[in-house]
Protein backbone atom coordinates (compact mmCIF):
# COMPACT_ATOMS: atom_id res chain seq x y z
CA MET A 1 -3.24 3.44 10.17
CA ILE A 2 -2.70 -0.19 10.88
CA VAL A 3 -0.98 -2.91 8.93
CA PHE A 4 -2.21 -6.41 9.02
CA ASP A 5 -0.65 -9.67 7.76
CA LEU A 6 -3.35 -11.38 5.50
CA ARG A 7 -3.72 -14.92 3.96
CA CYS A 8 -5.83 -15.90 0.80
CA GLU A 9 -7.43 -19.25 0.45
CA GLU A 10 -4.39 -20.12 -1.84
CA ASN A 11 -2.21 -19.55 1.45
CA HIS A 12 -0.42 -16.49 -0.14
CA VAL A 13 0.73 -14.27 2.70
CA PHE A 14 0.84 -10.55 2.25
CA GLU A 15 0.28 -7.38 4.20
CA ALA A 16 -2.07 -4.37 3.85
CA TRP A 17 -2.54 -1.13 5.34
CA PHE A 18 -6.00 0.19 6.62
CA ARG A 19 -7.24 3.11 8.56
CA ASN A 20 -8.43 0.87 11.46
CA SER A 21 -9.68 -2.66 12.24
CA GLU A 22 -13.15 -1.60 11.25
CA ALA A 23 -11.95 -0.62 7.85
CA TYR A 24 -10.51 -4.06 7.23
CA GLU A 25 -13.60 -5.68 8.32
CA ASP A 26 -15.72 -3.58 6.13
CA GLN A 27 -13.40 -3.83 3.10
CA ALA A 28 -12.97 -7.64 3.70
CA MET A 29 -16.81 -8.23 3.91
CA SER A 30 -17.36 -6.49 0.76
CA ASP A 31 -14.68 -8.46 -1.31
CA GLN A 32 -12.71 -5.22 -1.67
CA VAL A 33 -9.08 -6.87 -0.34
CA GLU A 34 -7.37 -8.90 -3.04
CA CYS A 35 -4.52 -11.05 -2.70
CA PRO A 36 -1.87 -9.46 -4.74
CA PHE A 37 -0.61 -12.98 -5.99
CA CYS A 38 -3.90 -14.61 -7.26
CA GLY A 39 -6.47 -12.01 -6.96
CA SER A 40 -8.52 -13.93 -4.50
CA THR A 41 -10.87 -12.05 -2.26
CA SER A 42 -11.28 -14.79 0.18
CA VAL A 43 -8.80 -13.42 2.80
CA SER A 44 -8.22 -13.43 6.64
CA LYS A 45 -5.86 -12.08 8.83
CA SER A 46 -2.89 -14.22 9.50
CA LEU A 47 -0.90 -14.71 12.57
CA MET A 48 1.34 -11.58 13.21
CA SER A 49 4.17 -10.58 15.41
CA PRO A 50 3.93 -7.15 17.11
CA ASN A 51 6.14 -4.58 15.89
CA ILE A 52 8.19 -3.48 18.80
CA PRO A 53 10.85 -0.66 18.15
CA ALA A 54 14.12 -1.12 19.76
CA LYS A 55 15.01 1.65 22.51
CA SER A 56 16.08 4.82 20.80
CA ASN A 57 19.50 4.72 22.61
CA ARG A 58 20.31 1.12 21.23
CA ARG A 59 21.20 0.09 17.83
CA PRO A 60 19.61 -2.76 16.35
CA ARG A 61 22.02 -5.83 16.01
CA PRO A 62 21.29 -7.86 13.01
CA GLY A 63 21.23 -11.52 13.47
CA PRO A 64 22.84 -14.10 11.14
CA ASP A 65 19.87 -13.97 8.59
CA PHE A 66 20.48 -10.30 7.67
CA ILE A 67 22.65 -9.08 4.81
CA LYS A 68 23.65 -5.37 4.64
CA ALA A 69 24.46 -3.62 1.36
CA ASP A 70 24.74 0.11 1.51
CA HIS A 71 21.44 1.31 2.73
CA MET A 72 19.23 -1.74 2.40
CA VAL A 73 18.89 -4.60 4.73
CA ALA A 74 17.51 -7.82 3.35
CA ALA A 75 16.52 -10.86 5.62
CA SER A 76 16.19 -14.36 4.65
CA ALA A 77 12.64 -15.53 4.40
CA ASN A 78 12.63 -19.07 5.78
CA VAL A 79 9.57 -19.64 4.15
CA PRO A 80 8.24 -23.32 4.02
CA ASP A 81 8.72 -25.17 0.91
CA SER A 82 4.79 -25.06 0.46
CA MET A 83 4.76 -21.40 0.51
CA GLU A 84 7.73 -20.51 -1.84
CA ALA A 85 6.84 -18.30 -4.92
CA SER A 86 7.94 -19.88 -8.48
CA ALA A 87 8.76 -17.58 -11.52
CA GLU A 88 5.08 -18.17 -12.56
CA ASP A 89 3.84 -17.07 -9.20
CA VAL A 90 5.81 -13.84 -9.46
CA LYS A 91 4.84 -13.21 -13.00
CA ARG A 92 1.11 -13.64 -12.09
CA ALA A 93 1.44 -11.46 -9.12
CA LEU A 94 3.01 -8.66 -11.24
CA GLU A 95 0.39 -9.06 -13.75
CA HIS A 96 -2.38 -8.97 -11.14
CA MET A 97 -0.68 -5.81 -9.56
CA HIS A 98 -0.39 -3.98 -12.85
CA ASN A 99 -4.20 -4.73 -13.56
CA THR A 100 -5.16 -3.61 -9.97
CA MET A 101 -3.19 -0.39 -10.41
CA LYS A 102 -4.80 0.14 -13.89
CA LYS A 103 -8.15 -0.32 -12.47
CA TYR A 104 -7.32 2.13 -9.63
CA ARG A 105 -5.86 4.55 -12.02
CA ASN A 106 -8.94 4.51 -14.46
CA HIS A 107 -11.33 4.78 -11.60
CA VAL A 108 -9.76 7.94 -10.33
CA LYS A 109 -9.47 9.38 -13.78
CA LYS A 110 -13.21 8.63 -14.35
CA GLU A 111 -14.86 9.91 -10.95
CA CYS A 112 -12.28 12.46 -9.81
CA GLU A 113 -11.64 16.13 -11.14
CA TYR A 114 -8.03 16.79 -12.53
CA VAL A 115 -6.52 19.81 -10.96
CA GLY A 116 -3.15 19.54 -12.37
CA GLU A 117 -0.39 21.36 -10.60
CA ASN A 118 -2.93 23.08 -8.36
CA PHE A 119 -3.45 19.58 -6.49
CA ALA A 120 -1.73 20.61 -3.07
CA LYS A 121 -3.69 23.91 -2.97
CA GLU A 122 -7.11 22.40 -3.87
CA ALA A 123 -6.54 19.34 -1.51
CA ARG A 124 -5.68 21.87 1.28
CA ALA A 125 -8.75 24.00 0.72
CA ILE A 126 -11.09 20.87 0.58
CA HIS A 127 -9.60 19.89 3.93
CA ASP A 128 -9.95 23.27 5.57
CA GLY A 129 -13.68 23.53 4.10
CA ASP A 130 -12.82 26.39 1.81
CA ALA A 131 -13.61 24.44 -1.18
CA GLU A 132 -16.33 21.87 -2.25
CA THR A 133 -15.83 18.39 -1.14
CA ARG A 134 -15.00 16.19 -4.04
CA GLY A 135 -12.52 13.78 -5.37
CA ILE A 136 -9.58 15.27 -7.29
CA TYR A 137 -6.05 14.29 -8.58
CA GLY A 138 -3.34 15.97 -9.88
CA GLU A 139 0.40 16.57 -9.47
CA ALA A 140 2.28 17.74 -6.12
CA THR A 141 6.04 17.94 -5.24
CA LEU A 142 7.45 15.82 -2.73
CA GLU A 143 7.72 18.78 -0.27
CA GLU A 144 3.93 19.46 -0.97
CA THR A 145 3.03 15.89 -0.34
CA GLU A 146 4.86 15.97 2.92
CA GLU A 147 3.30 19.15 4.24
CA LEU A 148 -0.23 17.74 3.36
CA LEU A 149 0.44 14.34 4.96
CA ASN A 150 1.91 16.13 8.19
CA ASP A 151 -1.15 18.44 8.15
CA GLY A 152 -3.67 15.37 8.40
CA VAL A 153 -4.74 15.93 4.66
CA ASP A 154 -5.98 12.46 3.48
CA ILE A 155 -4.24 11.77 0.04
CA LEU A 156 -3.02 8.73 -1.82
CA PRO A 157 -0.77 8.30 -4.59
CA VAL A 158 -2.11 7.21 -8.01
CA PRO A 159 0.12 4.49 -9.14
CA GLY A 160 0.98 3.94 -12.72
CA LEU A 161 0.27 7.25 -14.30
CA GLY A 162 3.47 6.80 -16.26
CA LYS A 163 4.58 3.48 -17.91
CA LEU A 164 3.56 0.40 -15.36
CA ASP A 165 6.99 -1.32 -16.11
CA SER A 166 9.26 1.24 -15.22
C-alpha cells in the first residue's frame, strides 16, 4: 500500500491510500478519487515529504509545534490562510464523507453476499481457493480481522453500518 497527498481543483489537500501508483492512476483517470471536502474528482498528486522513520534505538524528539496529551500527539498545521477550513468547509466535508460512506455501504449490500459471523471463515476459504470467488460482507472480531490481514487476505471495513453520526 502507498499513501499519496492529493490536491483538488479547489486547493483542498488530503491523503489517500492505494495498492500502488498504477492503482492511483487508474482510479484518478476514471474519476473514482474524490475530494473529501468538496467531492471534486479533479485531483492530482500534491508535493509530499518522504516518511522516513527514526532509528529504532532513538526516541523521536517533538519540536515546539507538538502538544502531548496522554496517548495523542497533535501538531500545529501552519496552513496558509487561503487553505484554512471554515466551519462551513468542515460541515460540507462531513456531509460528503457521510454520503460517500452511505454509497459504499449500499453498494456492498447490493453487490455482495451477506455471510454474517462466518465472514472470517468464508474470506479465508475464498482467499485459499476453497470457495467460490465472490464479494462477501459480514462480521468479524478484531482478532479475526488481524489474522486475515496478517495472512494477506484482502479485506476492507464497511463504514457506517451503524449510526453515521456516532
